[in-house]
Amino acid sequence: MLAVQQVRWLGRSIIDKRYCNIHYSCDDKTAFLGTGFIVSKHNISRLFDFKPTNRRMHVLRIRGKFKNYRIICAHAPVKEKSEGENDQFYEGLDRT
């Protein structure tokens, strides 16, 4: 189970608020391109993994009554970005 107190390391953090926890990740230097989840306090016990895969995407795993769920939060690059960056993002999304 994840610790509820604030944990910080290179571009990802869990912030403990009164009624919820905020799980986010972003670019360490600019704090741009981040993704995140807000998890209410009564669901914290069901949360068992928070894993950023890169600066544009991370996965939250939640324990359900009959099944466990994996929720992906992704920030896709805009069409104006290079085709290589777009391809890299979608390949990472497929792997995740």
C-alpha atoms as a PDB file:
ATOM      1  CA  MET A   1       0.000   0.000   0.000  1.00  0.00           C
ATOM      2  CA  LEU A   2       1.199   3.528  -0.712  1.00  0.00           C
ATOM      3  CA  ALA A   3       2.257   5.824   2.085  1.00  0.00           C
ATOM      4  CA  VAL A   4      -0.118   8.726   2.659  1.00  0.00           C
ATOM      5  CA  GLN A   5       2.481  11.344   3.591  1.00  0.00           C
ATOM      6  CA  GLN A   6       4.062  13.500   0.902  1.00  0.00           C
ATOM      7  CA  VAL A   7       6.762  11.687  -1.032  1.00  0.00           C
ATOM      8  CA  ARG A   8       8.816  13.624  -3.583  1.00  0.00           C
ATOM      9  CA  TRP A   9      11.426  12.533  -6.088  1.00  0.00           C
ATOM     10  CA  LEU A  10      12.366  13.709  -9.583  1.00  0.00           C
ATOM     11  CA  GLY A  11       9.171  14.994 -11.131  1.00  0.00           C
ATOM     12  CA  ARG A  12       6.621  12.867  -9.331  1.00  0.00           C
ATOM     13  CA  SER A  13       4.864  13.359  -6.061  1.00  0.00           C
ATOM     14  CA  ILE A  14       2.015  12.342  -3.804  1.00  0.00           C
ATOM     15  CA  ILE A  15       0.504  15.311  -2.005  1.00  0.00           C
ATOM     16  CA  ASP A  16      -1.604  14.625   1.054  1.00  0.00           C
ATOM     17  CA  LYS A  17      -4.619  16.971   1.320  1.00  0.00           C
ATOM     18  CA  ARG A  18      -7.445  16.939   3.843  1.00  0.00           C
ATOM     19  CA  TYR A  19     -10.007  15.029   1.739  1.00  0.00           C
ATOM     20  CA  CYS A  20      -7.841  13.558  -1.005  1.00  0.00           C
ATOM     21  CA  ASN A  21      -4.362  12.667  -2.226  1.00  0.00           C
ATOM     22  CA  ILE A  22      -3.006  14.117  -5.446  1.00  0.00           C
ATOM     23  CA  HIS A  23      -0.759  11.765  -7.414  1.00  0.00           C
ATOM     24  CA  TYR A  24       1.090  13.471 -10.243  1.00  0.00           C
ATOM     25  CA  SER A  25       4.179  13.352 -12.403  1.00  0.00           C
ATOM     26  CA  CYS A  26       5.713  15.984 -14.661  1.00  0.00           C
ATOM     27  CA  ASP A  27       8.936  17.110 -16.291  1.00  0.00           C
ATOM     28  CA  ASP A  28      11.408  17.694 -13.422  1.00  0.00           C
ATOM     29  CA  LYS A  29      12.938  20.901 -14.771  1.00  0.00           C
ATOM     30  CA  THR A  30       9.976  22.753 -16.277  1.00  0.00           C
ATOM     31  CA  ALA A  31       6.981  21.156 -14.480  1.00  0.00           C
ATOM     32  CA  PHE A  32       5.214  20.902 -17.862  1.00  0.00           C
ATOM     33  CA  LEU A  33       3.503  17.978 -19.583  1.00  0.00           C
ATOM     34  CA  GLY A  34       2.320  16.453 -16.353  1.00  0.00           C
ATOM     35  CA  THR A  35      -0.502  14.035 -15.691  1.00  0.00           C
ATOM     36  CA  GLY A  36      -2.225  13.247 -12.451  1.00  0.00           C
ATOM     37  CA  PHE A  37      -4.993  11.686 -10.422  1.00  0.00           C
ATOM     38  CA  ILE A  38      -6.943  12.913  -7.425  1.00  0.00           C
ATOM     39  CA  VAL A  39      -7.880  10.044  -5.110  1.00  0.00           C
ATOM     40  CA  SER A  40     -10.390  10.575  -2.319  1.00  0.00           C
ATOM     41  CA  LYS A  41      -9.354   9.567   1.206  1.00  0.00           C
ATOM     42  CA  HIS A  42     -11.971   6.807   1.444  1.00  0.00           C
ATOM     43  CA  ASN A  43     -10.439   5.126  -1.660  1.00  0.00           C
ATOM     44  CA  ILE A  44      -6.788   5.368  -0.568  1.00  0.00           C
ATOM     45  CA  SER A  45      -6.894   1.876   0.933  1.00  0.00           C
ATOM     46  CA  ARG A  46      -7.902   0.495  -2.495  1.00  0.00           C
ATOM     47  CA  LEU A  47      -4.927   2.094  -4.229  1.00  0.00           C
ATOM     48  CA  PHE A  48      -1.904  -0.177  -4.534  1.00  0.00           C
ATOM     49  CA  ASP A  49       0.312   1.275  -7.269  1.00  0.00           C
ATOM     50  CA  PHE A  50       1.133   4.648  -8.840  1.00  0.00           C
ATOM     51  CA  LYS A  51       3.709   4.346 -11.599  1.00  0.00           C
ATOM     52  CA  PRO A  52       4.778   7.123 -13.969  1.00  0.00           C
ATOM     53  CA  THR A  53       5.985   5.530 -17.203  1.00  0.00           C
ATOM     54  CA  ASN A  54       7.317   8.776 -18.705  1.00  0.00           C
ATOM     55  CA  ARG A  55       6.701  12.524 -18.466  1.00  0.00           C
ATOM     56  CA  ARG A  56       3.450  12.267 -20.458  1.00  0.00           C
ATOM     57  CA  MET A  57       1.855   9.166 -18.962  1.00  0.00           C
ATOM     58  CA  HIS A  58       1.327   7.250 -15.749  1.00  0.00           C
ATOM     59  CA  VAL A  59      -0.685   4.341 -14.423  1.00  0.00           C
ATOM     60  CA  LEU A  60      -2.784   4.065 -11.279  1.00  0.00           C
ATOM     61  CA  ARG A  61      -3.745   0.583 -10.057  1.00  0.00           C
ATOM     62  CA  ILE A  62      -6.823   0.163  -7.867  1.00  0.00           C
ATOM     63  CA  ARG A  63      -8.079  -2.888  -6.025  1.00  0.00           C
ATOM     64  CA  GLY A  64     -11.715  -3.642  -6.876  1.00  0.00           C
ATOM     65  CA  LYS A  65     -14.206  -5.971  -5.248  1.00  0.00           C
ATOM     66  CA  PHE A  66     -13.966  -8.632  -7.968  1.00  0.00           C
ATOM     67  CA  LYS A  67     -11.160  -7.329 -10.203  1.00  0.00           C
ATOM     68  CA  ASN A  68      -8.231  -4.951 -10.006  1.00  0.00           C
ATOM     69  CA  TYR A  69      -8.219  -1.942 -12.322  1.00  0.00           C
ATOM     70  CA  ARG A  70      -5.406  -0.210 -14.157  1.00  0.00           C
ATOM     71  CA  ILE A  71      -6.182   3.382 -15.153  1.00  0.00           C
ATOM     72  CA  ILE A  72      -3.897   5.162 -17.615  1.00  0.00           C
ATOM     73  CA  CYS A  73      -3.642   8.942 -17.693  1.00  0.00           C
ATOM     74  CA  ALA A  74      -1.867  10.271 -20.781  1.00  0.00           C
ATOM     75  CA  HIS A  75      -1.028  13.674 -22.247  1.00  0.00           C
ATOM     76  CA  ALA A  76      -0.641  13.138 -26.008  1.00  0.00           C
ATOM     77  CA  PRO A  77       1.647  15.391 -28.074  1.00  0.00           C
ATOM     78  CA  VAL A  78      -0.036  17.835 -30.447  1.00  0.00           C
ATOM     79  CA  LYS A  79      -0.021  17.263 -34.195  1.00  0.00           C
ATOM     80  CA  GLU A  80       2.571  20.012 -34.662  1.00  0.00           C
ATOM     81  CA  LYS A  81       5.204  17.919 -32.843  1.00  0.00           C
ATOM     82  CA  SER A  82       7.641  15.829 -34.857  1.00  0.00           C
ATOM     83  CA  GLU A  83       6.374  12.550 -36.210  1.00  0.00           C
ATOM     84  CA  GLY A  84       9.085  10.750 -34.238  1.00  0.00           C
ATOM     85  CA  GLU A  85       7.837  12.179 -30.942  1.00  0.00           C
ATOM     86  CA  ASN A  86       4.233  11.248 -31.801  1.00  0.00           C
ATOM     87  CA  ASP A  87       5.255   7.706 -32.796  1.00  0.00           C
ATOM     88  CA  GLN A  88       7.304   7.315 -29.619  1.00  0.00           C
ATOM     89  CA  PHE A  89       4.350   8.412 -27.474  1.00  0.00           C
ATOM     90  CA  TYR A  90       1.861   6.022 -29.099  1.00  0.00           C
ATOM     91  CA  GLU A  91       4.308   3.103 -28.976  1.00  0.00           C
ATOM     92  CA  GLY A  92       4.726   3.759 -25.240  1.00  0.00           C
ATOM     93  CA  LEU A  93       0.953   3.908 -24.821  1.00  0.00           C
ATOM     94  CA  ASP A  94       0.590   0.539 -26.560  1.00  0.00           C
ATOM     95  CA  ARG A  95       3.255  -1.005 -24.289  1.00  0.00           C
ATOM     96  CA  THR A  96       1.553   0.392 -21.178  1.00  0.00           C
END
